[in-house]
């Protein structure tokens, strides 16, 4: 029997699509919703399902930023053949994304038992939501927002890419929140920080989804719920990306900080009252 039904897959796909790129923690929200629906958050098939439907959200990024991705990949391919092209920012940026993905891959493989075991607890999610809110608030205040996307460097990419480890180890911290906060601390403006977070998420999240696919299919999750959840995730994520880029161009991250704190405190209350299981 599948651990997740088609109806549940629709709900989880929508949650994934809305929250994957907002700095509110998609993993945390998925675990909360799974807990409220009585789905075991530490079940192997459930963990695999959550990773696979992320591919739908990543597909939305690929479609939304298709022209940018083609430009960057084309520059990378040209640079592989022509030394003169290697001074182009897009060529260098492609390598930065590749290099910046290595830390999260290494930690993800090494710490897999912890990530899918003790660290999958909803208590960890609740705490990480609140702690991550403090980090985001401080980063938004400390950052001078004076650097654009063309001003990014290899150091920026490595620091922002490595910050994804926080979300990997502490579900609820938020991959987007960690990367955006780090970028803001490096004085990138909010739009540049958000776009960098998107590009760095493509290889990391796609790799995670592909890696977990065999486990998701081999431990009880049927193909239909996976397909439905991934499709819903794609549609909702596309709309979420478009909204977020418009929002950060004119607003601070205060609304996300407040929301995360409220959700974290509410989750602590639900866990303490025994309404949801950790």
C-alpha atoms as a PDB file:
ATOM      1  CA  UNK A   1       0.000   0.000   0.000  1.00  0.00           C
ATOM      2  CA  UNK A   2       1.180   3.529  -0.779  1.00  0.00           C
ATOM      3  CA  UNK A   3       1.899   5.680   2.282  1.00  0.00           C
ATOM      4  CA  UNK A   4       0.412   8.665   0.423  1.00  0.00           C
ATOM      5  CA  UNK A   5      -2.885   8.798  -1.472  1.00  0.00           C
ATOM      6  CA  UNK A   6      -3.603  10.854  -4.592  1.00  0.00           C
ATOM      7  CA  UNK A   7      -5.641  13.352  -2.570  1.00  0.00           C
ATOM      8  CA  UNK A   8      -2.830  13.783  -0.079  1.00  0.00           C
ATOM      9  CA  UNK A   9      -0.365  14.111  -2.954  1.00  0.00           C
ATOM     10  CA  UNK A  10      -2.356  17.059  -4.349  1.00  0.00           C
ATOM     11  CA  UNK A  11      -2.244  18.837  -0.989  1.00  0.00           C
ATOM     12  CA  UNK A  12       1.458  18.134  -0.472  1.00  0.00           C
ATOM     13  CA  UNK A  13       2.269  19.169  -4.055  1.00  0.00           C
ATOM     14  CA  UNK A  14       0.537  22.493  -3.505  1.00  0.00           C
ATOM     15  CA  UNK A  15       2.361  23.023  -0.215  1.00  0.00           C
ATOM     16  CA  UNK A  16       5.688  22.197  -1.883  1.00  0.00           C
ATOM     17  CA  UNK A  17       4.996  24.537  -4.780  1.00  0.00           C
ATOM     18  CA  UNK A  18       4.055  27.471  -2.567  1.00  0.00           C
ATOM     19  CA  UNK A  19       6.858  27.091  -0.049  1.00  0.00           C
ATOM     20  CA  UNK A  20       9.881  25.728  -1.976  1.00  0.00           C
ATOM     21  CA  UNK A  21      11.210  29.140  -2.967  1.00  0.00           C
ATOM     22  CA  UNK A  22       9.632  31.316  -0.311  1.00  0.00           C
ATOM     23  CA  UNK A  23      11.950  31.646   2.717  1.00  0.00           C
ATOM     24  CA  UNK A  24       9.569  29.744   4.990  1.00  0.00           C
ATOM     25  CA  UNK A  25      10.870  26.145   4.674  1.00  0.00           C
ATOM     26  CA  UNK A  26       9.154  23.767   2.285  1.00  0.00           C
ATOM     27  CA  UNK A  27      10.496  20.756   4.202  1.00  0.00           C
ATOM     28  CA  UNK A  28       9.136  22.146   7.449  1.00  0.00           C
ATOM     29  CA  UNK A  29       5.708  22.831   5.975  1.00  0.00           C
ATOM     30  CA  UNK A  30       5.561  19.423   4.316  1.00  0.00           C
ATOM     31  CA  UNK A  31       6.359  17.718   7.611  1.00  0.00           C
ATOM     32  CA  UNK A  32       3.755  19.816   9.432  1.00  0.00           C
ATOM     33  CA  UNK A  33       1.036  19.012   6.878  1.00  0.00           C
ATOM     34  CA  UNK A  34       2.067  15.346   6.823  1.00  0.00           C
ATOM     35  CA  UNK A  35       1.791  15.282  10.614  1.00  0.00           C
ATOM     36  CA  UNK A  36      -1.667  16.899  10.535  1.00  0.00           C
ATOM     37  CA  UNK A  37      -2.823  14.313   7.955  1.00  0.00           C
ATOM     38  CA  UNK A  38      -1.454  11.460  10.048  1.00  0.00           C
ATOM     39  CA  UNK A  39       1.305  10.584   7.566  1.00  0.00           C
ATOM     40  CA  UNK A  40       4.472   9.247   9.270  1.00  0.00           C
ATOM     41  CA  UNK A  41       7.093  11.942   8.571  1.00  0.00           C
ATOM     42  CA  UNK A  42      10.042   9.569   9.051  1.00  0.00           C
ATOM     43  CA  UNK A  43       8.716   6.818   6.747  1.00  0.00           C
ATOM     44  CA  UNK A  44      11.207   6.125   3.925  1.00  0.00           C
ATOM     45  CA  UNK A  45       8.574   6.406   1.219  1.00  0.00           C
ATOM     46  CA  UNK A  46       7.328   9.712   2.630  1.00  0.00           C
ATOM     47  CA  UNK A  47      10.856  11.143   2.773  1.00  0.00           C
ATOM     48  CA  UNK A  48      11.395  10.004  -0.805  1.00  0.00           C
ATOM     49  CA  UNK A  49       8.052  11.443  -1.938  1.00  0.00           C
ATOM     50  CA  UNK A  50       8.947  14.851  -0.476  1.00  0.00           C
ATOM     51  CA  UNK A  51      12.266  14.878  -2.323  1.00  0.00           C
ATOM     52  CA  UNK A  52      10.790  13.777  -5.646  1.00  0.00           C
ATOM     53  CA  UNK A  53       7.982  16.364  -5.806  1.00  0.00           C
ATOM     54  CA  UNK A  54      10.677  19.028  -5.386  1.00  0.00           C
ATOM     55  CA  UNK A  55      11.593  18.218  -8.987  1.00  0.00           C
ATOM     56  CA  UNK A  56       8.254  19.733 -10.022  1.00  0.00           C
ATOM     57  CA  UNK A  57       9.233  22.992  -8.320  1.00  0.00           C
ATOM     58  CA  UNK A  58      12.680  22.860  -9.926  1.00  0.00           C
ATOM     59  CA  UNK A  59      11.058  22.317 -13.333  1.00  0.00           C
ATOM     60  CA  UNK A  60       9.140  25.534 -12.715  1.00  0.00           C
ATOM     61  CA  UNK A  61      12.448  27.359 -12.174  1.00  0.00           C
ATOM     62  CA  UNK A  62      13.840  25.878 -15.387  1.00  0.00           C
ATOM     63  CA  UNK A  63      10.840  27.100 -17.346  1.00  0.00           C
ATOM     64  CA  UNK A  64      10.655  30.515 -15.670  1.00  0.00           C
ATOM     65  CA  UNK A  65      14.372  31.234 -16.092  1.00  0.00           C
ATOM     66  CA  UNK A  66      14.736  29.364 -19.389  1.00  0.00           C
ATOM     67  CA  UNK A  67      16.349  32.258 -21.265  1.00  0.00           C
ATOM     68  CA  UNK A  68      18.825  32.922 -18.436  1.00  0.00           C
ATOM     69  CA  UNK A  69      19.716  29.251 -18.171  1.00  0.00           C
ATOM     70  CA  UNK A  70      20.245  28.928 -21.936  1.00  0.00           C
ATOM     71  CA  UNK A  71      22.472  32.011 -21.853  1.00  0.00           C
ATOM     72  CA  UNK A  72      24.566  30.684 -18.960  1.00  0.00           C
ATOM     73  CA  UNK A  73      24.874  27.138 -20.333  1.00  0.00           C
ATOM     74  CA  UNK A  74      25.740  28.462 -23.795  1.00  0.00           C
ATOM     75  CA  UNK A  75      28.480  30.651 -22.319  1.00  0.00           C
ATOM     76  CA  UNK A  76      29.802  27.636 -20.386  1.00  0.00           C
ATOM     77  CA  UNK A  77      29.919  25.496 -23.524  1.00  0.00           C
ATOM     78  CA  UNK A  78      31.619  28.248 -25.508  1.00  0.00           C
ATOM     79  CA  UNK A  79      34.155  28.672 -22.731  1.00  0.00           C
ATOM     80  CA  UNK A  80      34.990  24.976 -22.827  1.00  0.00           C
ATOM     81  CA  UNK A  81      36.107  25.460 -26.439  1.00  0.00           C
ATOM     82  CA  UNK A  82      37.432  29.006 -26.470  1.00  0.00           C
ATOM     83  CA  UNK A  83      39.773  30.423 -23.805  1.00  0.00           C
ATOM     84  CA  UNK A  84      38.688  33.979 -24.589  1.00  0.00           C
ATOM     85  CA  UNK A  85      35.116  33.145 -23.586  1.00  0.00           C
ATOM     86  CA  UNK A  86      36.258  32.073 -20.129  1.00  0.00           C
ATOM     87  CA  UNK A  87      36.441  35.685 -18.988  1.00  0.00           C
ATOM     88  CA  UNK A  88      32.696  36.045 -19.533  1.00  0.00           C
ATOM     89  CA  UNK A  89      30.709  36.326 -16.282  1.00  0.00           C
ATOM     90  CA  UNK A  90      28.126  33.749 -17.400  1.00  0.00           C
ATOM     91  CA  UNK A  91      30.848  31.139 -18.026  1.00  0.00           C
ATOM     92  CA  UNK A  92      32.325  31.727 -14.596  1.00  0.00           C
ATOM     93  CA  UNK A  93      28.902  31.749 -12.968  1.00  0.00           C
ATOM     94  CA  UNK A  94      28.151  28.290 -14.379  1.00  0.00           C
ATOM     95  CA  UNK A  95      31.273  26.903 -12.716  1.00  0.00           C
ATOM     96  CA  UNK A  96      30.436  28.709  -9.482  1.00  0.00           C
ATOM     97  CA  UNK A  97      27.041  27.005  -9.330  1.00  0.00           C
ATOM     98  CA  UNK A  98      28.677  23.608  -9.901  1.00  0.00           C
ATOM     99  CA  UNK A  99      31.323  24.177  -7.234  1.00  0.00           C
ATOM    100  CA  UNK A 100      28.835  25.675  -4.762  1.00  0.00           C
ATOM    101  CA  UNK A 101      26.707  22.525  -4.992  1.00  0.00           C
ATOM    102  CA  UNK A 102      29.516  20.208  -3.860  1.00  0.00           C
ATOM    103  CA  UNK A 103      29.315  21.003  -0.098  1.00  0.00           C
ATOM    104  CA  UNK A 104      25.615  20.154   0.206  1.00  0.00           C
ATOM    105  CA  UNK A 105      26.092  16.936  -1.808  1.00  0.00           C
ATOM    106  CA  UNK A 106      28.931  15.767   0.448  1.00  0.00           C
ATOM    107  CA  UNK A 107      27.071  16.589   3.674  1.00  0.00           C
ATOM    108  CA  UNK A 108      23.809  15.176   2.328  1.00  0.00           C
ATOM    109  CA  UNK A 109      25.369  11.794   1.588  1.00  0.00           C
ATOM    110  CA  UNK A 110      27.421  11.678   4.801  1.00  0.00           C
ATOM    111  CA  UNK A 111      24.605  12.746   7.118  1.00  0.00           C
ATOM    112  CA  UNK A 112      21.720  10.913   5.397  1.00  0.00           C
ATOM    113  CA  UNK A 113      20.914   8.694   8.425  1.00  0.00           C
ATOM    114  CA  UNK A 114      20.668  11.747  10.695  1.00  0.00           C
ATOM    115  CA  UNK A 115      18.694  13.792   8.188  1.00  0.00           C
ATOM    116  CA  UNK A 116      16.114  11.052   7.697  1.00  0.00           C
ATOM    117  CA  UNK A 117      16.156  10.036  11.368  1.00  0.00           C
ATOM    118  CA  UNK A 118      16.506  12.252  14.473  1.00  0.00           C
ATOM    119  CA  UNK A 119      16.679  15.527  12.528  1.00  0.00           C
ATOM    120  CA  UNK A 120      13.343  14.792  10.825  1.00  0.00           C
ATOM    121  CA  UNK A 121      11.520  15.519  14.078  1.00  0.00           C
ATOM    122  CA  UNK A 122       8.846  18.230  14.073  1.00  0.00           C
ATOM    123  CA  UNK A 123      10.460  19.592  17.248  1.00  0.00           C
ATOM    124  CA  UNK A 124      13.523  20.364  15.139  1.00  0.00           C
ATOM    125  CA  UNK A 125      11.301  21.960  12.493  1.00  0.00           C
ATOM    126  CA  UNK A 126       9.615  24.236  15.033  1.00  0.00           C
ATOM    127  CA  UNK A 127      12.907  25.353  16.555  1.00  0.00           C
ATOM    128  CA  UNK A 128      14.537  25.884  13.176  1.00  0.00           C
ATOM    129  CA  UNK A 129      11.642  28.006  11.942  1.00  0.00           C
ATOM    130  CA  UNK A 130      12.100  30.418  14.837  1.00  0.00           C
ATOM    131  CA  UNK A 131      15.911  30.470  14.844  1.00  0.00           C
ATOM    132  CA  UNK A 132      15.963  30.915  11.071  1.00  0.00           C
ATOM    133  CA  UNK A 133      13.590  33.862  11.435  1.00  0.00           C
ATOM    134  CA  UNK A 134      16.102  35.613  13.676  1.00  0.00           C
ATOM    135  CA  UNK A 135      18.879  35.024  11.155  1.00  0.00           C
ATOM    136  CA  UNK A 136      16.746  36.353   8.306  1.00  0.00           C
ATOM    137  CA  UNK A 137      15.700  39.449  10.258  1.00  0.00           C
ATOM    138  CA  UNK A 138      19.316  40.229  11.161  1.00  0.00           C
ATOM    139  CA  UNK A 139      20.533  39.669   7.590  1.00  0.00           C
ATOM    140  CA  UNK A 140      17.893  41.979   6.150  1.00  0.00           C
ATOM    141  CA  UNK A 141      18.939  44.687   8.627  1.00  0.00           C
ATOM    142  CA  UNK A 142      22.707  44.178   8.329  1.00  0.00           C
ATOM    143  CA  UNK A 143      22.861  43.926   4.542  1.00  0.00           C
ATOM    144  CA  UNK A 144      23.466  47.144   2.624  1.00  0.00           C
ATOM    145  CA  UNK A 145      21.642  45.890  -0.507  1.00  0.00           C
ATOM    146  CA  UNK A 146      24.137  47.640  -2.773  1.00  0.00           C
ATOM    147  CA  UNK A 147      25.317  44.797  -5.027  1.00  0.00           C
ATOM    148  CA  UNK A 148      23.453  43.421  -8.022  1.00  0.00           C
ATOM    149  CA  UNK A 149      23.525  40.045  -9.752  1.00  0.00           C
ATOM    150  CA  UNK A 150      26.426  41.054 -12.021  1.00  0.00           C
ATOM    151  CA  UNK A 151      28.521  41.850  -8.944  1.00  0.00           C
ATOM    152  CA  UNK A 152      28.467  38.319  -7.551  1.00  0.00           C
ATOM    153  CA  UNK A 153      31.763  36.474  -7.139  1.00  0.00           C
ATOM    154  CA  UNK A 154      33.010  32.927  -6.613  1.00  0.00           C
ATOM    155  CA  UNK A 155      33.238  33.627  -2.885  1.00  0.00           C
ATOM    156  CA  UNK A 156      29.600  34.742  -2.822  1.00  0.00           C
ATOM    157  CA  UNK A 157      28.458  31.607  -4.636  1.00  0.00           C
ATOM    158  CA  UNK A 158      30.428  29.271  -2.349  1.00  0.00           C
ATOM    159  CA  UNK A 159      29.201  30.918   0.856  1.00  0.00           C
ATOM    160  CA  UNK A 160      25.592  31.059  -0.302  1.00  0.00           C
ATOM    161  CA  UNK A 161      25.732  27.523  -1.703  1.00  0.00           C
ATOM    162  CA  UNK A 162      27.265  26.145   1.494  1.00  0.00           C
ATOM    163  CA  UNK A 163      24.522  27.787   3.574  1.00  0.00           C
ATOM    164  CA  UNK A 164      22.071  25.276   2.061  1.00  0.00           C
ATOM    165  CA  UNK A 165      23.564  22.769   4.501  1.00  0.00           C
ATOM    166  CA  UNK A 166      21.716  24.526   7.345  1.00  0.00           C
ATOM    167  CA  UNK A 167      18.364  23.666   5.791  1.00  0.00           C
ATOM    168  CA  UNK A 168      19.528  20.133   5.036  1.00  0.00           C
ATOM    169  CA  UNK A 169      20.465  19.435   8.646  1.00  0.00           C
ATOM    170  CA  UNK A 170      17.716  21.497  10.271  1.00  0.00           C
ATOM    171  CA  UNK A 171      14.417  21.156   8.368  1.00  0.00           C
ATOM    172  CA  UNK A 172      12.473  24.311   9.087  1.00  0.00           C
ATOM    173  CA  UNK A 173      15.486  26.598   8.668  1.00  0.00           C
ATOM    174  CA  UNK A 174      14.609  26.862   4.945  1.00  0.00           C
ATOM    175  CA  UNK A 175      17.000  26.476   2.044  1.00  0.00           C
ATOM    176  CA  UNK A 176      15.705  29.676   0.487  1.00  0.00           C
ATOM    177  CA  UNK A 177      15.871  31.464   3.823  1.00  0.00           C
ATOM    178  CA  UNK A 178      19.446  30.345   4.455  1.00  0.00           C
ATOM    179  CA  UNK A 179      20.690  31.256   0.979  1.00  0.00           C
ATOM    180  CA  UNK A 180      18.877  34.583   0.819  1.00  0.00           C
ATOM    181  CA  UNK A 181      20.046  35.546   4.310  1.00  0.00           C
ATOM    182  CA  UNK A 182      23.651  34.724   3.458  1.00  0.00           C
ATOM    183  CA  UNK A 183      23.429  36.694   0.225  1.00  0.00           C
ATOM    184  CA  UNK A 184      21.972  39.688   2.067  1.00  0.00           C
ATOM    185  CA  UNK A 185      24.821  39.541   4.590  1.00  0.00           C
ATOM    186  CA  UNK A 186      27.177  39.750   1.615  1.00  0.00           C
ATOM    187  CA  UNK A 187      25.424  43.024   0.649  1.00  0.00           C
ATOM    188  CA  UNK A 188      23.529  41.698  -2.375  1.00  0.00           C
ATOM    189  CA  UNK A 189      20.202  43.392  -2.967  1.00  0.00           C
ATOM    190  CA  UNK A 190      17.023  41.408  -2.358  1.00  0.00           C
ATOM    191  CA  UNK A 191      16.322  40.608  -6.018  1.00  0.00           C
ATOM    192  CA  UNK A 192      19.922  39.466  -6.642  1.00  0.00           C
ATOM    193  CA  UNK A 193      19.835  37.374  -3.451  1.00  0.00           C
ATOM    194  CA  UNK A 194      16.561  35.753  -4.507  1.00  0.00           C
ATOM    195  CA  UNK A 195      17.730  34.978  -8.054  1.00  0.00           C
ATOM    196  CA  UNK A 196      21.016  33.535  -6.765  1.00  0.00           C
ATOM    197  CA  UNK A 197      19.025  31.318  -4.404  1.00  0.00           C
ATOM    198  CA  UNK A 198      16.987  30.047  -7.352  1.00  0.00           C
ATOM    199  CA  UNK A 199      19.999  29.199  -9.512  1.00  0.00           C
ATOM    200  CA  UNK A 200      21.878  27.463  -6.690  1.00  0.00           C
ATOM    201  CA  UNK A 201      18.797  25.405  -5.874  1.00  0.00           C
ATOM    202  CA  UNK A 202      18.510  23.872  -9.353  1.00  0.00           C
ATOM    203  CA  UNK A 203      21.324  21.257  -9.165  1.00  0.00           C
ATOM    204  CA  UNK A 204      20.951  20.571  -5.427  1.00  0.00           C
ATOM    205  CA  UNK A 205      17.212  19.926  -5.437  1.00  0.00           C
ATOM    206  CA  UNK A 206      17.165  18.139  -8.801  1.00  0.00           C
ATOM    207  CA  UNK A 207      19.934  15.827  -7.622  1.00  0.00           C
ATOM    208  CA  UNK A 208      18.072  15.123  -4.379  1.00  0.00           C
ATOM    209  CA  UNK A 209      14.885  14.257  -6.249  1.00  0.00           C
ATOM    210  CA  UNK A 210      16.625  11.899  -8.670  1.00  0.00           C
ATOM    211  CA  UNK A 211      18.605  10.258  -5.846  1.00  0.00           C
ATOM    212  CA  UNK A 212      15.444   9.641  -3.807  1.00  0.00           C
ATOM    213  CA  UNK A 213      13.327   8.419  -6.743  1.00  0.00           C
ATOM    214  CA  UNK A 214      14.349   4.775  -6.434  1.00  0.00           C
ATOM    215  CA  UNK A 215      13.671   4.833  -2.678  1.00  0.00           C
ATOM    216  CA  UNK A 216      10.306   6.510  -3.110  1.00  0.00           C
ATOM    217  CA  UNK A 217       9.174   3.923  -5.662  1.00  0.00           C
ATOM    218  CA  UNK A 218      10.767   1.002  -3.863  1.00  0.00           C
ATOM    219  CA  UNK A 219       9.381   1.578  -0.379  1.00  0.00           C
ATOM    220  CA  UNK A 220       5.664   1.885  -0.920  1.00  0.00           C
ATOM    221  CA  UNK A 221       4.853   5.132  -2.715  1.00  0.00           C
ATOM    222  CA  UNK A 222       2.872   4.473  -5.893  1.00  0.00           C
ATOM    223  CA  UNK A 223       3.830   6.168  -9.157  1.00  0.00           C
ATOM    224  CA  UNK A 224       0.461   7.963  -9.554  1.00  0.00           C
ATOM    225  CA  UNK A 225       0.659  10.003  -6.307  1.00  0.00           C
ATOM    226  CA  UNK A 226       4.254  10.883  -7.186  1.00  0.00           C
ATOM    227  CA  UNK A 227       3.246  12.086 -10.652  1.00  0.00           C
ATOM    228  CA  UNK A 228       0.247  14.058  -9.380  1.00  0.00           C
ATOM    229  CA  UNK A 229       2.207  15.658  -6.545  1.00  0.00           C
ATOM    230  CA  UNK A 230       5.041  16.648  -8.897  1.00  0.00           C
ATOM    231  CA  UNK A 231       2.658  18.182 -11.460  1.00  0.00           C
ATOM    232  CA  UNK A 232       0.805  20.206  -8.836  1.00  0.00           C
ATOM    233  CA  UNK A 233       4.131  21.318  -7.386  1.00  0.00           C
ATOM    234  CA  UNK A 234       5.239  22.574 -10.819  1.00  0.00           C
ATOM    235  CA  UNK A 235       2.120  24.656 -11.490  1.00  0.00           C
ATOM    236  CA  UNK A 236       1.976  26.225  -8.035  1.00  0.00           C
ATOM    237  CA  UNK A 237       5.740  26.849  -7.868  1.00  0.00           C
ATOM    238  CA  UNK A 238       5.722  28.744 -11.168  1.00  0.00           C
ATOM    239  CA  UNK A 239       3.139  31.164  -9.820  1.00  0.00           C
ATOM    240  CA  UNK A 240       5.039  31.425  -6.529  1.00  0.00           C
ATOM    241  CA  UNK A 241       8.314  32.350  -8.295  1.00  0.00           C
ATOM    242  CA  UNK A 242       6.667  35.113 -10.319  1.00  0.00           C
ATOM    243  CA  UNK A 243       5.039  36.558  -7.203  1.00  0.00           C
ATOM    244  CA  UNK A 244       8.184  36.390  -5.053  1.00  0.00           C
ATOM    245  CA  UNK A 245      10.413  38.259  -7.521  1.00  0.00           C
ATOM    246  CA  UNK A 246       7.873  41.092  -7.731  1.00  0.00           C
ATOM    247  CA  UNK A 247       7.439  41.150  -3.962  1.00  0.00           C
ATOM    248  CA  UNK A 248      11.129  41.349  -2.963  1.00  0.00           C
ATOM    249  CA  UNK A 249      11.721  44.190  -5.419  1.00  0.00           C
ATOM    250  CA  UNK A 250       9.627  46.482  -3.213  1.00  0.00           C
ATOM    251  CA  UNK A 251       9.373  44.865   0.225  1.00  0.00           C
ATOM    252  CA  UNK A 252      11.596  43.631   3.057  1.00  0.00           C
ATOM    253  CA  UNK A 253      11.484  40.079   4.425  1.00  0.00           C
ATOM    254  CA  UNK A 254       9.594  41.148   7.578  1.00  0.00           C
ATOM    255  CA  UNK A 255       6.363  39.401   6.565  1.00  0.00           C
ATOM    256  CA  UNK A 256       8.196  36.090   6.174  1.00  0.00           C
ATOM    257  CA  UNK A 257       9.974  36.545   9.515  1.00  0.00           C
ATOM    258  CA  UNK A 258       6.694  37.133  11.356  1.00  0.00           C
ATOM    259  CA  UNK A 259       4.972  34.255   9.564  1.00  0.00           C
ATOM    260  CA  UNK A 260       7.777  31.823  10.423  1.00  0.00           C
ATOM    261  CA  UNK A 261       7.709  32.776  14.103  1.00  0.00           C
ATOM    262  CA  UNK A 262       3.930  32.337  14.276  1.00  0.00           C
ATOM    263  CA  UNK A 263       4.096  28.917  12.561  1.00  0.00           C
ATOM    264  CA  UNK A 264       6.999  27.805  14.782  1.00  0.00           C
ATOM    265  CA  UNK A 265       5.191  28.777  17.985  1.00  0.00           C
ATOM    266  CA  UNK A 266       1.956  27.198  16.766  1.00  0.00           C
ATOM    267  CA  UNK A 267       3.812  23.978  15.977  1.00  0.00           C
ATOM    268  CA  UNK A 268       5.393  23.932  19.433  1.00  0.00           C
ATOM    269  CA  UNK A 269       1.880  24.290  20.862  1.00  0.00           C
ATOM    270  CA  UNK A 270       0.451  21.488  18.746  1.00  0.00           C
ATOM    271  CA  UNK A 271       3.322  19.169  19.639  1.00  0.00           C
ATOM    272  CA  UNK A 272       3.074  20.010  23.323  1.00  0.00           C
ATOM    273  CA  UNK A 273      -0.684  19.392  23.294  1.00  0.00           C
ATOM    274  CA  UNK A 274      -0.239  16.090  21.482  1.00  0.00           C
ATOM    275  CA  UNK A 275      -2.352  17.208  18.506  1.00  0.00           C
ATOM    276  CA  UNK A 276       0.419  16.181  16.109  1.00  0.00           C
ATOM    277  CA  UNK A 277       3.141  13.604  16.599  1.00  0.00           C
ATOM    278  CA  UNK A 278       6.792  14.589  16.315  1.00  0.00           C
END
